[in-house]
Structure formats: structure tokens, C-alpha cells
Amino acid sequence: MNPSQYQKFCKKTAKKFKNKEKEILTWGLGIAGEAGDVAGCIKKTFSHGDDQKKGLRENLGDTMWYIAMICSFFGWNLGDVMKENIKKLKKRHPKGFSNKTAKKDKRRDWNE
């Protein structure tokens, strides 16, 4: 399945909203919740010795679902977003990640 097919399938499984603000709030808060679940599974697996890898895998999928829904909300193609990210990463780290190139990175903090 390619990213466009995945995104199209996700839209079929999503609740339909009349209120656009409520819709994006749902997708945005949903991704935050799933990311928290991902973090919890990692913590329990590695800090508590409670193997949560199955839950981690499921929650990664749920996080991807919300990513697809946020892209759909804004009319963005998931595959294009992925390609743009690859282009940015290649420019930032043309020879692969290094501590030197990471320290030189003066990118904007989008949460300012």
C-alpha cells in the first residue's frame, strides 16, 4: 500500500464532522494522545521490563492514522509531505546524520 492509498483508506474510516474546528482539534489531540501511548509503551518495555512492543506497533499505526487525517484536513497528500521531509533531511544532513551537522542546524522552532 502506498501513502496515497493509505490516506484514502483512513478517510473512509474517519468520523465525519460538520464543524471543521472540532475536526482538526480531534485529529490534533488524537495524535498527541497516540504519541503519548507510544512513549508509554517504550518506557514500560525498557524501564519496567514489561514487553509492550505489540502495543507500541499498534500505537505507531494509530499515530500514522492521525497524521493521514491531518494531511487530509488541509488537503495535503501524505506522500508529498513524506517527500518534502526527505528533501529537508537530505539538505540538512547530506552525508547522513552527524553531531557536527546537527549543531550547525539553525532551524526554526515551530512551537515558538
PDB file of N, CA and C in Angstrom:
ATOM      1  N   MET A   1       0.851  -1.175   0.000  1.00  0.00           N
ATOM      2  CA  MET A   1       0.000   0.000   0.000  1.00  0.00           C
ATOM      3  C   MET A   1       0.899   1.240   0.000  1.00  0.00           C
ATOM      4  N   ASN A   2       0.627   2.173  -0.870  1.00  0.00           N
ATOM      5  CA  ASN A   2       1.409   3.404  -0.903  1.00  0.00           C
ATOM      6  C   ASN A   2       0.749   4.472  -0.016  1.00  0.00           C
ATOM      7  N   PRO A   3       1.447   5.590   0.261  1.00  0.00           N
ATOM      8  CA  PRO A   3       0.896   6.598   1.160  1.00  0.00           C
ATOM      9  C   PRO A   3      -0.457   7.165   0.713  1.00  0.00           C
ATOM     10  N   SER A   4      -0.646   7.360  -0.579  1.00  0.00           N
ATOM     11  CA  SER A   4      -1.924   7.892  -1.064  1.00  0.00           C
ATOM     12  C   SER A   4      -3.062   6.909  -0.827  1.00  0.00           C
ATOM     13  N   GLN A   5      -2.799   5.635  -1.057  1.00  0.00           N
ATOM     14  CA  GLN A   5      -3.820   4.612  -0.793  1.00  0.00           C
ATOM     15  C   GLN A   5      -4.152   4.552   0.698  1.00  0.00           C
ATOM     16  N   TYR A   6      -3.132   4.628   1.525  1.00  0.00           N
ATOM     17  CA  TYR A   6      -3.331   4.606   2.969  1.00  0.00           C
ATOM     18  C   TYR A   6      -4.182   5.800   3.407  1.00  0.00           C
ATOM     19  N   GLN A   7      -3.842   6.975   2.903  1.00  0.00           N
ATOM     20  CA  GLN A   7      -4.569   8.183   3.263  1.00  0.00           C
ATOM     21  C   GLN A   7      -6.035   8.088   2.836  1.00  0.00           C
ATOM     22  N   LYS A   8      -6.269   7.585   1.652  1.00  0.00           N
ATOM     23  CA  LYS A   8      -7.634   7.424   1.159  1.00  0.00           C
ATOM     24  C   LYS A   8      -8.413   6.436   2.030  1.00  0.00           C
ATOM     25  N   PHE A   9      -7.775   5.334   2.416  1.00  0.00           N
ATOM     26  CA  PHE A   9      -8.429   4.362   3.276  1.00  0.00           C
ATOM     27  C   PHE A   9      -8.752   4.970   4.640  1.00  0.00           C
ATOM     28  N   CYS A  10      -7.803   5.716   5.201  1.00  0.00           N
ATOM     29  CA  CYS A  10      -8.029   6.344   6.510  1.00  0.00           C
ATOM     30  C   CYS A  10      -9.262   7.243   6.481  1.00  0.00           C
ATOM     31  N   LYS A  11      -9.424   8.006   5.404  1.00  0.00           N
ATOM     32  CA  LYS A  11     -10.580   8.899   5.298  1.00  0.00           C
ATOM     33  C   LYS A  11     -11.895   8.126   5.358  1.00  0.00           C
ATOM     34  N   LYS A  12     -11.898   6.919   4.823  1.00  0.00           N
ATOM     35  CA  LYS A  12     -13.112   6.094   4.856  1.00  0.00           C
ATOM     36  C   LYS A  12     -13.458   5.652   6.274  1.00  0.00           C
ATOM     37  N   THR A  13     -12.461   5.562   7.136  1.00  0.00           N
ATOM     38  CA  THR A  13     -12.682   5.052   8.490  1.00  0.00           C
ATOM     39  C   THR A  13     -12.884   6.172   9.514  1.00  0.00           C
ATOM     40  N   ALA A  14     -12.868   7.421   9.058  1.00  0.00           N
ATOM     41  CA  ALA A  14     -12.927   8.563   9.977  1.00  0.00           C
ATOM     42  C   ALA A  14     -14.352   9.086  10.147  1.00  0.00           C
ATOM     43  N   LYS A  15     -14.598   9.604  11.324  1.00  0.00           N
ATOM     44  CA  LYS A  15     -15.862  10.278  11.628  1.00  0.00           C
ATOM     45  C   LYS A  15     -15.989  11.500  10.733  1.00  0.00           C
ATOM     46  N   LYS A  16     -17.199  11.791  10.307  1.00  0.00           N
ATOM     47  CA  LYS A  16     -17.462  12.986   9.511  1.00  0.00           C
ATOM     48  C   LYS A  16     -17.899  14.105  10.451  1.00  0.00           C
ATOM     49  N   PHE A  17     -17.268  15.247  10.329  1.00  0.00           N
ATOM     50  CA  PHE A  17     -17.556  16.396  11.177  1.00  0.00           C
ATOM     51  C   PHE A  17     -18.238  17.496  10.387  1.00  0.00           C
ATOM     52  N   LYS A  18     -19.204  18.143  10.989  1.00  0.00           N
ATOM     53  CA  LYS A  18     -19.810  19.340  10.396  1.00  0.00           C
ATOM     54  C   LYS A  18     -18.993  20.570  10.767  1.00  0.00           C
ATOM     55  N   ASN A  19     -18.399  20.526  11.955  1.00  0.00           N
ATOM     56  CA  ASN A  19     -17.619  21.647  12.475  1.00  0.00           C
ATOM     57  C   ASN A  19     -16.137  21.393  12.184  1.00  0.00           C
ATOM     58  N   LYS A  20     -15.547  22.200  11.303  1.00  0.00           N
ATOM     59  CA  LYS A  20     -14.153  21.999  10.892  1.00  0.00           C
ATOM     60  C   LYS A  20     -13.183  22.220  12.043  1.00  0.00           C
ATOM     61  N   GLU A  21     -13.493  23.174  12.922  1.00  0.00           N
ATOM     62  CA  GLU A  21     -12.612  23.413  14.062  1.00  0.00           C
ATOM     63  C   GLU A  21     -12.579  22.194  14.981  1.00  0.00           C
ATOM     64  N   LYS A  22     -13.736  21.610  15.231  1.00  0.00           N
ATOM     65  CA  LYS A  22     -13.792  20.411  16.072  1.00  0.00           C
ATOM     66  C   LYS A  22     -13.044  19.257  15.404  1.00  0.00           C
ATOM     67  N   GLU A  23     -13.125  19.181  14.082  1.00  0.00           N
ATOM     68  CA  GLU A  23     -12.435  18.118  13.364  1.00  0.00           C
ATOM     69  C   GLU A  23     -10.920  18.206  13.556  1.00  0.00           C
ATOM     70  N   ILE A  24     -10.322  19.388  13.287  1.00  0.00           N
ATOM     71  CA  ILE A  24      -8.866  19.482  13.400  1.00  0.00           C
ATOM     72  C   ILE A  24      -8.430  19.361  14.856  1.00  0.00           C
ATOM     73  N   LEU A  25      -9.250  19.829  15.789  1.00  0.00           N
ATOM     74  CA  LEU A  25      -8.919  19.638  17.203  1.00  0.00           C
ATOM     75  C   LEU A  25      -8.901  18.154  17.546  1.00  0.00           C
ATOM     76  N   THR A  26      -9.834  17.402  17.000  1.00  0.00           N
ATOM     77  CA  THR A  26      -9.890  15.959  17.246  1.00  0.00           C
ATOM     78  C   THR A  26      -8.656  15.272  16.692  1.00  0.00           C
ATOM     79  N   TRP A  27      -8.271  15.614  15.470  1.00  0.00           N
ATOM     80  CA  TRP A  27      -7.098  14.984  14.862  1.00  0.00           C
ATOM     81  C   TRP A  27      -5.826  15.407  15.603  1.00  0.00           C
ATOM     82  N   GLY A  28      -5.712  16.678  15.943  1.00  0.00           N
ATOM     83  CA  GLY A  28      -4.518  17.162  16.640  1.00  0.00           C
ATOM     84  C   GLY A  28      -4.365  16.583  18.033  1.00  0.00           C
ATOM     85  N   LEU A  29      -5.453  16.535  18.783  1.00  0.00           N
ATOM     86  CA  LEU A  29      -5.389  15.946  20.119  1.00  0.00           C
ATOM     87  C   LEU A  29      -5.223  14.434  20.039  1.00  0.00           C
ATOM     88  N   GLY A  30      -5.785  13.833  19.016  1.00  0.00           N
ATOM     89  CA  GLY A  30      -5.639  12.389  18.830  1.00  0.00           C
ATOM     90  C   GLY A  30      -4.198  11.991  18.604  1.00  0.00           C
ATOM     91  N   ILE A  31      -3.502  12.744  17.773  1.00  0.00           N
ATOM     92  CA  ILE A  31      -2.100  12.410  17.517  1.00  0.00           C
ATOM     93  C   ILE A  31      -1.272  12.592  18.782  1.00  0.00           C
ATOM     94  N   ALA A  32      -1.590  13.605  19.582  1.00  0.00           N
ATOM     95  CA  ALA A  32      -0.868  13.815  20.835  1.00  0.00           C
ATOM     96  C   ALA A  32      -1.093  12.644  21.793  1.00  0.00           C
ATOM     97  N   GLY A  33      -2.325  12.177  21.861  1.00  0.00           N
ATOM     98  CA  GLY A  33      -2.629  11.040  22.728  1.00  0.00           C
ATOM     99  C   GLY A  33      -1.931   9.773  22.290  1.00  0.00           C
ATOM    100  N   GLU A  34      -1.940   9.513  21.000  1.00  0.00           N
ATOM    101  CA  GLU A  34      -1.279   8.307  20.491  1.00  0.00           C
ATOM    102  C   GLU A  34       0.231   8.388  20.675  1.00  0.00           C
ATOM    103  N   ALA A  35       0.803   9.574  20.487  1.00  0.00           N
ATOM    104  CA  ALA A  35       2.245   9.733  20.711  1.00  0.00           C
ATOM    105  C   ALA A  35       2.584   9.466  22.176  1.00  0.00           C
ATOM    106  N   GLY A  36       1.695   9.878  23.071  1.00  0.00           N
ATOM    107  CA  GLY A  36       1.891   9.567  24.488  1.00  0.00           C
ATOM    108  C   GLY A  36       1.838   8.075  24.745  1.00  0.00           C
ATOM    109  N   ASP A  37       0.933   7.390  24.055  1.00  0.00           N
ATOM    110  CA  ASP A  37       0.861   5.929  24.192  1.00  0.00           C
ATOM    111  C   ASP A  37       2.132   5.260  23.679  1.00  0.00           C
ATOM    112  N   VAL A  38       2.684   5.786  22.584  1.00  0.00           N
ATOM    113  CA  VAL A  38       3.954   5.267  22.056  1.00  0.00           C
ATOM    114  C   VAL A  38       5.040   5.409  23.124  1.00  0.00           C
ATOM    115  N   ALA A  39       5.129   6.602  23.705  1.00  0.00           N
ATOM    116  CA  ALA A  39       6.135   6.848  24.744  1.00  0.00           C
ATOM    117  C   ALA A  39       5.941   5.906  25.930  1.00  0.00           C
ATOM    118  N   GLY A  40       4.693   5.703  26.328  1.00  0.00           N
ATOM    119  CA  GLY A  40       4.417   4.816  27.452  1.00  0.00           C
ATOM    120  C   GLY A  40       4.833   3.384  27.187  1.00  0.00           C
ATOM    121  N   CYS A  41       4.582   2.912  25.981  1.00  0.00           N
ATOM    122  CA  CYS A  41       4.981   1.544  25.624  1.00  0.00           C
ATOM    123  C   CYS A  41       6.497   1.385  25.646  1.00  0.00           C
ATOM    124  N   ILE A  42       7.213   2.390  25.160  1.00  0.00           N
ATOM    125  CA  ILE A  42       8.674   2.332  25.183  1.00  0.00           C
ATOM    126  C   ILE A  42       9.169   2.335  26.625  1.00  0.00           C
ATOM    127  N   LYS A  43       8.608   3.210  27.447  1.00  0.00           N
ATOM    128  CA  LYS A  43       9.022   3.283  28.848  1.00  0.00           C
ATOM    129  C   LYS A  43       8.781   1.967  29.566  1.00  0.00           C
ATOM    130  N   LYS A  44       7.588   1.400  29.395  1.00  0.00           N
ATOM    131  CA  LYS A  44       7.265   0.143  30.081  1.00  0.00           C
ATOM    132  C   LYS A  44       8.150  -1.003  29.598  1.00  0.00           C
ATOM    133  N   THR A  45       8.462  -1.004  28.301  1.00  0.00           N
ATOM    134  CA  THR A  45       9.306  -2.064  27.753  1.00  0.00           C
ATOM    135  C   THR A  45      10.729  -1.987  28.285  1.00  0.00           C
ATOM    136  N   PHE A  46      11.297  -0.792  28.274  1.00  0.00           N
ATOM    137  CA  PHE A  46      12.714  -0.675  28.594  1.00  0.00           C
ATOM    138  C   PHE A  46      13.013  -0.274  30.038  1.00  0.00           C
ATOM    139  N   SER A  47      12.088   0.369  30.718  1.00  0.00           N
ATOM    140  CA  SER A  47      12.334   0.756  32.105  1.00  0.00           C
ATOM    141  C   SER A  47      11.736  -0.214  33.110  1.00  0.00           C
ATOM    142  N   HIS A  48      10.663  -0.886  32.713  1.00  0.00           N
ATOM    143  CA  HIS A  48       9.957  -1.764  33.645  1.00  0.00           C
ATOM    144  C   HIS A  48      10.041  -3.244  33.275  1.00  0.00           C
ATOM    145  N   GLY A  49      10.671  -3.545  32.155  1.00  0.00           N
ATOM    146  CA  GLY A  49      10.792  -4.935  31.746  1.00  0.00           C
ATOM    147  C   GLY A  49       9.473  -5.578  31.349  1.00  0.00           C
ATOM    148  N   ASP A  50       8.482  -4.758  30.999  1.00  0.00           N
ATOM    149  CA  ASP A  50       7.158  -5.238  30.582  1.00  0.00           C
ATOM    150  C   ASP A  50       7.064  -5.073  29.072  1.00  0.00           C
ATOM    151  N   ASP A  51       7.239  -6.149  28.332  1.00  0.00           N
ATOM    152  CA  ASP A  51       7.301  -6.091  26.868  1.00  0.00           C
ATOM    153  C   ASP A  51       6.000  -5.536  26.282  1.00  0.00           C
ATOM    154  N   GLN A  52       6.078  -4.319  25.813  1.00  0.00           N
ATOM    155  CA  GLN A  52       4.936  -3.626  25.212  1.00  0.00           C
ATOM    156  C   GLN A  52       5.136  -3.387  23.713  1.00  0.00           C
ATOM    157  N   LYS A  53       6.001  -4.176  23.081  1.00  0.00           N
ATOM    158  CA  LYS A  53       6.284  -3.948  21.659  1.00  0.00           C
ATOM    159  C   LYS A  53       5.043  -4.123  20.784  1.00  0.00           C
ATOM    160  N   LYS A  54       4.165  -5.043  21.137  1.00  0.00           N
ATOM    161  CA  LYS A  54       2.929  -5.215  20.363  1.00  0.00           C
ATOM    162  C   LYS A  54       2.073  -3.947  20.454  1.00  0.00           C
ATOM    163  N   GLY A  55       1.967  -3.406  21.641  1.00  0.00           N
ATOM    164  CA  GLY A  55       1.223  -2.154  21.820  1.00  0.00           C
ATOM    165  C   GLY A  55       1.911  -0.989  21.137  1.00  0.00           C
ATOM    166  N   LEU A  56       3.229  -0.979  21.176  1.00  0.00           N
ATOM    167  CA  LEU A  56       3.996   0.064  20.508  1.00  0.00           C
ATOM    168  C   LEU A  56       3.699   0.068  19.017  1.00  0.00           C
ATOM    169  N   ARG A  57       3.726  -1.109  18.427  1.00  0.00           N
ATOM    170  CA  ARG A  57       3.450  -1.231  16.990  1.00  0.00           C
ATOM    171  C   ARG A  57       2.039  -0.737  16.658  1.00  0.00           C
ATOM    172  N   GLU A  58       1.071  -1.139  17.467  1.00  0.00           N
ATOM    173  CA  GLU A  58      -0.324  -0.711  17.244  1.00  0.00           C
ATOM    174  C   GLU A  58      -0.456   0.806  17.382  1.00  0.00           C
ATOM    175  N   ASN A  59       0.181   1.370  18.398  1.00  0.00           N
ATOM    176  CA  ASN A  59       0.074   2.810  18.615  1.00  0.00           C
ATOM    177  C   ASN A  59       0.810   3.613  17.568  1.00  0.00           C
ATOM    178  N   LEU A  60       1.878   3.066  16.999  1.00  0.00           N
ATOM    179  CA  LEU A  60       2.523   3.728  15.866  1.00  0.00           C
ATOM    180  C   LEU A  60       1.559   3.799  14.684  1.00  0.00           C
ATOM    181  N   GLY A  61       0.840   2.711  14.447  1.00  0.00           N
ATOM    182  CA  GLY A  61      -0.170   2.710  13.382  1.00  0.00           C
ATOM    183  C   GLY A  61      -1.259   3.738  13.638  1.00  0.00           C
ATOM    184  N   ASP A  62      -1.710   3.838  14.885  1.00  0.00           N
ATOM    185  CA  ASP A  62      -2.741   4.828  15.225  1.00  0.00           C
ATOM    186  C   ASP A  62      -2.220   6.250  15.033  1.00  0.00           C
ATOM    187  N   THR A  63      -0.949   6.473  15.378  1.00  0.00           N
ATOM    188  CA  THR A  63      -0.344   7.788  15.172  1.00  0.00           C
ATOM    189  C   THR A  63      -0.296   8.123  13.687  1.00  0.00           C
ATOM    190  N   MET A  64       0.049   7.135  12.867  1.00  0.00           N
ATOM    191  CA  MET A  64       0.084   7.343  11.416  1.00  0.00           C
ATOM    192  C   MET A  64      -1.308   7.691  10.885  1.00  0.00           C
ATOM    193  N   TRP A  65      -2.343   7.062  11.454  1.00  0.00           N
ATOM    194  CA  TRP A  65      -3.718   7.342  11.034  1.00  0.00           C
ATOM    195  C   TRP A  65      -4.034   8.824  11.256  1.00  0.00           C
ATOM    196  N   TYR A  66      -3.674   9.335  12.424  1.00  0.00           N
ATOM    197  CA  TYR A  66      -3.925  10.753  12.701  1.00  0.00           C
ATOM    198  C   TYR A  66      -3.105  11.656  11.790  1.00  0.00           C
ATOM    199  N   ILE A  67      -1.884  11.264  11.473  1.00  0.00           N
ATOM    200  CA  ILE A  67      -1.076  12.042  10.526  1.00  0.00           C
ATOM    201  C   ILE A  67      -1.794  12.119   9.181  1.00  0.00           C
ATOM    202  N   ALA A  68      -2.299  10.992   8.725  1.00  0.00           N
ATOM    203  CA  ALA A  68      -3.026  10.963   7.446  1.00  0.00           C
ATOM    204  C   ALA A  68      -4.265  11.853   7.507  1.00  0.00           C
ATOM    205  N   MET A  69      -4.962  11.847   8.638  1.00  0.00           N
ATOM    206  CA  MET A  69      -6.182  12.649   8.761  1.00  0.00           C
ATOM    207  C   MET A  69      -5.868  14.143   8.810  1.00  0.00           C
ATOM    208  N   ILE A  70      -4.776  14.522   9.460  1.00  0.00           N
ATOM    209  CA  ILE A  70      -4.383  15.932   9.480  1.00  0.00           C
ATOM    210  C   ILE A  70      -4.012  16.379   8.069  1.00  0.00           C
ATOM    211  N   CYS A  71      -3.281  15.543   7.337  1.00  0.00           N
ATOM    212  CA  CYS A  71      -2.959  15.862   5.939  1.00  0.00           C
ATOM    213  C   CYS A  71      -4.234  16.033   5.117  1.00  0.00           C
ATOM    214  N   SER A  72      -5.182  15.135   5.291  1.00  0.00           N
ATOM    215  CA  SER A  72      -6.436  15.225   4.545  1.00  0.00           C
ATOM    216  C   SER A  72      -7.197  16.500   4.893  1.00  0.00           C
ATOM    217  N   PHE A  73      -7.207  16.856   6.157  1.00  0.00           N
ATOM    218  CA  PHE A  73      -7.909  18.070   6.599  1.00  0.00           C
ATOM    219  C   PHE A  73      -7.411  19.288   5.831  1.00  0.00           C
ATOM    220  N   PHE A  74      -6.088  19.366   5.653  1.00  0.00           N
ATOM    221  CA  PHE A  74      -5.502  20.517   4.978  1.00  0.00           C
ATOM    222  C   PHE A  74      -5.387  20.338   3.466  1.00  0.00           C
ATOM    223  N   GLY A  75      -5.837  19.196   2.958  1.00  0.00           N
ATOM    224  CA  GLY A  75      -5.784  18.951   1.520  1.00  0.00           C
ATOM    225  C   GLY A  75      -4.390  18.590   1.038  1.00  0.00           C
ATOM    226  N   TRP A  76      -3.569  18.083   1.926  1.00  0.00           N
ATOM    227  CA  TRP A  76      -2.205  17.692   1.574  1.00  0.00           C
ATOM    228  C   TRP A  76      -2.147  16.207   1.268  1.00  0.00           C
ATOM    229  N   ASN A  77      -1.299  15.852   0.331  1.00  0.00           N
ATOM    230  CA  ASN A  77      -1.054  14.464   0.010  1.00  0.00           C
ATOM    231  C   ASN A  77       0.017  13.935   0.948  1.00  0.00           C
ATOM    232  N   LEU A  78      -0.277  12.851   1.642  1.00  0.00           N
ATOM    233  CA  LEU A  78       0.661  12.267   2.601  1.00  0.00           C
ATOM    234  C   LEU A  78       2.000  11.938   1.953  1.00  0.00           C
ATOM    235  N   GLY A  79       1.978  11.392   0.759  1.00  0.00           N
ATOM    236  CA  GLY A  79       3.221  11.072   0.051  1.00  0.00           C
ATOM    237  C   GLY A  79       4.057  12.316  -0.225  1.00  0.00           C
ATOM    238  N   ASP A  80       3.390  13.426  -0.566  1.00  0.00           N
ATOM    239  CA  ASP A  80       4.115  14.675  -0.804  1.00  0.00           C
ATOM    240  C   ASP A  80       4.758  15.188   0.485  1.00  0.00           C
ATOM    241  N   VAL A  81       4.041  15.090   1.595  1.00  0.00           N
ATOM    242  CA  VAL A  81       4.592  15.513   2.885  1.00  0.00           C
ATOM    243  C   VAL A  81       5.829  14.675   3.203  1.00  0.00           C
ATOM    244  N   MET A  82       5.751  13.384   2.941  1.00  0.00           N
ATOM    245  CA  MET A  82       6.897  12.498   3.181  1.00  0.00           C
ATOM    246  C   MET A  82       8.076  12.881   2.292  1.00  0.00           C
ATOM    247  N   LYS A  83       7.813  13.162   1.008  1.00  0.00           N
ATOM    248  CA  LYS A  83       8.876  13.554   0.082  1.00  0.00           C
ATOM    249  C   LYS A  83       9.519  14.869   0.507  1.00  0.00           C
ATOM    250  N   GLU A  84       8.698  15.835   0.958  1.00  0.00           N
ATOM    251  CA  GLU A  84       9.228  17.116   1.419  1.00  0.00           C
ATOM    252  C   GLU A  84      10.133  16.921   2.631  1.00  0.00           C
ATOM    253  N   ASN A  85       9.764  15.999   3.508  1.00  0.00           N
ATOM    254  CA  ASN A  85      10.571  15.717   4.685  1.00  0.00           C
ATOM    255  C   ASN A  85      11.909  15.106   4.282  1.00  0.00           C
ATOM    256  N   ILE A  86      11.885  14.203   3.319  1.00  0.00           N
ATOM    257  CA  ILE A  86      13.127  13.596   2.829  1.00  0.00           C
ATOM    258  C   ILE A  86      14.034  14.666   2.222  1.00  0.00           C
ATOM    259  N   LYS A  87      13.456  15.563   1.433  1.00  0.00           N
ATOM    260  CA  LYS A  87      14.229  16.637   0.814  1.00  0.00           C
ATOM    261  C   LYS A  87      14.879  17.515   1.887  1.00  0.00           C
ATOM    262  N   LYS A  88      14.120  17.855   2.921  1.00  0.00           N
ATOM    263  CA  LYS A  88      14.648  18.668   4.015  1.00  0.00           C
ATOM    264  C   LYS A  88      15.787  17.944   4.728  1.00  0.00           C
ATOM    265  N   LEU A  89      15.598  16.657   5.000  1.00  0.00           N
ATOM    266  CA  LEU A  89      16.627  15.889   5.703  1.00  0.00           C
ATOM    267  C   LEU A  89      17.895  15.731   4.875  1.00  0.00           C
ATOM    268  N   LYS A  90      17.748  15.533   3.565  1.00  0.00           N
ATOM    269  CA  LYS A  90      18.922  15.429   2.690  1.00  0.00           C
ATOM    270  C   LYS A  90      19.702  16.738   2.671  1.00  0.00           C
ATOM    271  N   LYS A  91      18.985  17.862   2.693  1.00  0.00           N
ATOM    272  CA  LYS A  91      19.641  19.164   2.697  1.00  0.00           C
ATOM    273  C   LYS A  91      20.335  19.397   4.044  1.00  0.00           C
ATOM    274  N   ARG A  92      19.683  19.017   5.115  1.00  0.00           N
ATOM    275  CA  ARG A  92      20.214  19.239   6.460  1.00  0.00           C
ATOM    276  C   ARG A  92      21.409  18.329   6.747  1.00  0.00           C
ATOM    277  N   HIS A  93      21.335  17.101   6.289  1.00  0.00           N
ATOM    278  CA  HIS A  93      22.373  16.105   6.566  1.00  0.00           C
ATOM    279  C   HIS A  93      22.740  15.375   5.270  1.00  0.00           C
ATOM    280  N   PRO A  94      23.424  16.065   4.342  1.00  0.00           N
ATOM    281  CA  PRO A  94      23.692  15.472   3.022  1.00  0.00           C
ATOM    282  C   PRO A  94      24.517  14.193   3.046  1.00  0.00           C
ATOM    283  N   LYS A  95      25.337  14.015   4.063  1.00  0.00           N
ATOM    284  CA  LYS A  95      26.148  12.797   4.169  1.00  0.00           C
ATOM    285  C   LYS A  95      25.643  11.904   5.292  1.00  0.00           C
ATOM    286  N   GLY A  96      24.423  12.133   5.718  1.00  0.00           N
ATOM    287  CA  GLY A  96      23.879  11.385   6.850  1.00  0.00           C
ATOM    288  C   GLY A  96      24.064  12.172   8.135  1.00  0.00           C
ATOM    289  N   PHE A  97      23.408  11.751   9.174  1.00  0.00           N
ATOM    290  CA  PHE A  97      23.463  12.463  10.441  1.00  0.00           C
ATOM    291  C   PHE A  97      24.860  12.475  11.024  1.00  0.00           C
ATOM    292  N   SER A  98      25.216  13.628  11.580  1.00  0.00           N
ATOM    293  CA  SER A  98      26.434  13.741  12.387  1.00  0.00           C
ATOM    294  C   SER A  98      26.172  14.788  13.463  1.00  0.00           C
ATOM    295  N   ASN A  99      26.890  14.693  14.558  1.00  0.00           N
ATOM    296  CA  ASN A  99      26.738  15.690  15.619  1.00  0.00           C
ATOM    297  C   ASN A  99      27.119  17.079  15.118  1.00  0.00           C
ATOM    298  N   LYS A 100      28.099  17.131  14.237  1.00  0.00           N
ATOM    299  CA  LYS A 100      28.559  18.419  13.700  1.00  0.00           C
ATOM    300  C   LYS A 100      27.445  19.102  12.905  1.00  0.00           C
ATOM    301  N   THR A 101      26.808  18.372  11.989  1.00  0.00           N
ATOM    302  CA  THR A 101      25.747  18.999  11.197  1.00  0.00           C
ATOM    303  C   THR A 101      24.522  19.296  12.060  1.00  0.00           C
ATOM    304  N   ALA A 102      24.275  18.506  13.078  1.00  0.00           N
ATOM    305  CA  ALA A 102      23.135  18.757  13.956  1.00  0.00           C
ATOM    306  C   ALA A 102      23.332  20.050  14.736  1.00  0.00           C
ATOM    307  N   LYS A 103      24.566  20.313  15.189  1.00  0.00           N
ATOM    308  CA  LYS A 103      24.850  21.527  15.950  1.00  0.00           C
ATOM    309  C   LYS A 103      24.771  22.768  15.080  1.00  0.00           C
ATOM    310  N   LYS A 104      25.100  22.644  13.798  1.00  0.00           N
ATOM    311  CA  LYS A 104      25.046  23.783  12.885  1.00  0.00           C
ATOM    312  C   LYS A 104      23.617  24.117  12.469  1.00  0.00           C
ATOM    313  N   ASP A 105      22.700  23.229  12.730  1.00  0.00           N
ATOM    314  CA  ASP A 105      21.324  23.397  12.290  1.00  0.00           C
ATOM    315  C   ASP A 105      20.647  24.532  13.062  1.00  0.00           C
ATOM    316  N   LYS A 106      20.264  25.569  12.367  1.00  0.00           N
ATOM    317  CA  LYS A 106      19.618  26.722  12.993  1.00  0.00           C
ATOM    318  C   LYS A 106      18.142  26.821  12.586  1.00  0.00           C
ATOM    319  N   ARG A 107      17.496  25.673  12.484  1.00  0.00           N
ATOM    320  CA  ARG A 107      16.108  25.666  12.012  1.00  0.00           C
ATOM    321  C   ARG A 107      15.195  26.361  13.016  1.00  0.00           C
ATOM    322  N   ARG A 108      14.079  26.794  12.531  1.00  0.00           N
ATOM    323  CA  ARG A 108      13.074  27.465  13.334  1.00  0.00           C
ATOM    324  C   ARG A 108      12.368  26.474  14.234  1.00  0.00           C
ATOM    325  N   ASP A 109      12.091  26.901  15.459  1.00  0.00           N
ATOM    326  CA  ASP A 109      11.272  26.102  16.378  1.00  0.00           C
ATOM    327  C   ASP A 109       9.827  26.467  16.108  1.00  0.00           C
ATOM    328  N   TRP A 110       9.071  25.565  15.533  1.00  0.00           N
ATOM    329  CA  TRP A 110       7.694  25.844  15.132  1.00  0.00           C
ATOM    330  C   TRP A 110       6.761  26.029  16.323  1.00  0.00           C
ATOM    331  N   ASN A 111       7.250  25.769  17.529  1.00  0.00           N
ATOM    332  CA  ASN A 111       6.420  25.953  18.716  1.00  0.00           C
ATOM    333  C   ASN A 111       6.691  27.281  19.414  1.00  0.00           C
ATOM    334  N   GLU A 112       7.443  28.193  18.762  1.00  0.00           N
ATOM    335  CA  GLU A 112       7.727  29.488  19.370  1.00  0.00           C
ATOM    336  C   GLU A 112       6.463  30.305  19.507  1.00  0.00           C
TER     337      GLU A 112
END
